[in-house]
Amino acid sequence: MLAAALTFKDLLNPEMIIQYGGLVLLLVIIFAETGLFFGFFLPGDSLLFAAGLLCESKYLSTPVVVLIPLLILAAVLGSTVGYGFGRWAKHYLERRKENFFYKKKYIEMTETFYQKYGMMAFVLGRFLPIVRTFVTILAGMSRIDFKKFWIYNLLGASAWILTMVLAGYLLGNAFPGLIDHLEIIVVAMILVSAIPVITAFFRAQRKMLKEKMK
């Protein structure tokens, strides 16, 4: 009931998600952000860090050794759905009108990232907001071999989840007082994670401008 009462603003607040939505909402959001094109705005990095910080507490009783595999599974399944959606809806997405949840610049930015890093984009892209959502959809649109995609998908999901959750868990155990400053930590993480996204966006814009000038 409490999870259902969360507002749109609450869905951007990792602490609220965990306190009122618990493990179920946490898994749903990681699934959505990694595979559904309208999930790009969800707070993946900060949510995973907060989950590590709050796990085995009154807010999230799940042990970290159980939490991590469940989150990896949610991320892998979400990305697999994103791949399938991209493969099925390629022509629809190319013709779709832009709105808040879908902009062609998101695809263009992701394409630039993929062209630079190749298959490693599915590993490195996990650590970049927006890119981690659209890189799997782009893989489906490009009809990248599914077996190869799935291997890198699993590697990327594992690296992302382990890094973020263990960072929160280990720091929380080393410095118990961190939990009292979670809001500040989350804001700082959002700002830091936005830097590479903004950089990638401007690179994509510069590339488009150069192509138009040819």
Foldseek 3Di string as FASTA:
>chain_A
DQQVPDDPVLQQPLVSCQQRVNLVSLLVLLLCQQAPLQSLNGQPLLNLLVCLLCECHPSYVDDPVVSLVSNLVSNLNSLVNNLVCLQVCVVVLVPDDDDPSDDVLLVLLLVVLCVVPPLLCLQVVLLARSNSHCNSSVCNNVVPPPVSNSVSNSNNSNVSNCVRNVNNNVVCVVPVCVNVVSVVVSVVSVVVSVVVVVVSSVVSVVVVVVVVVD
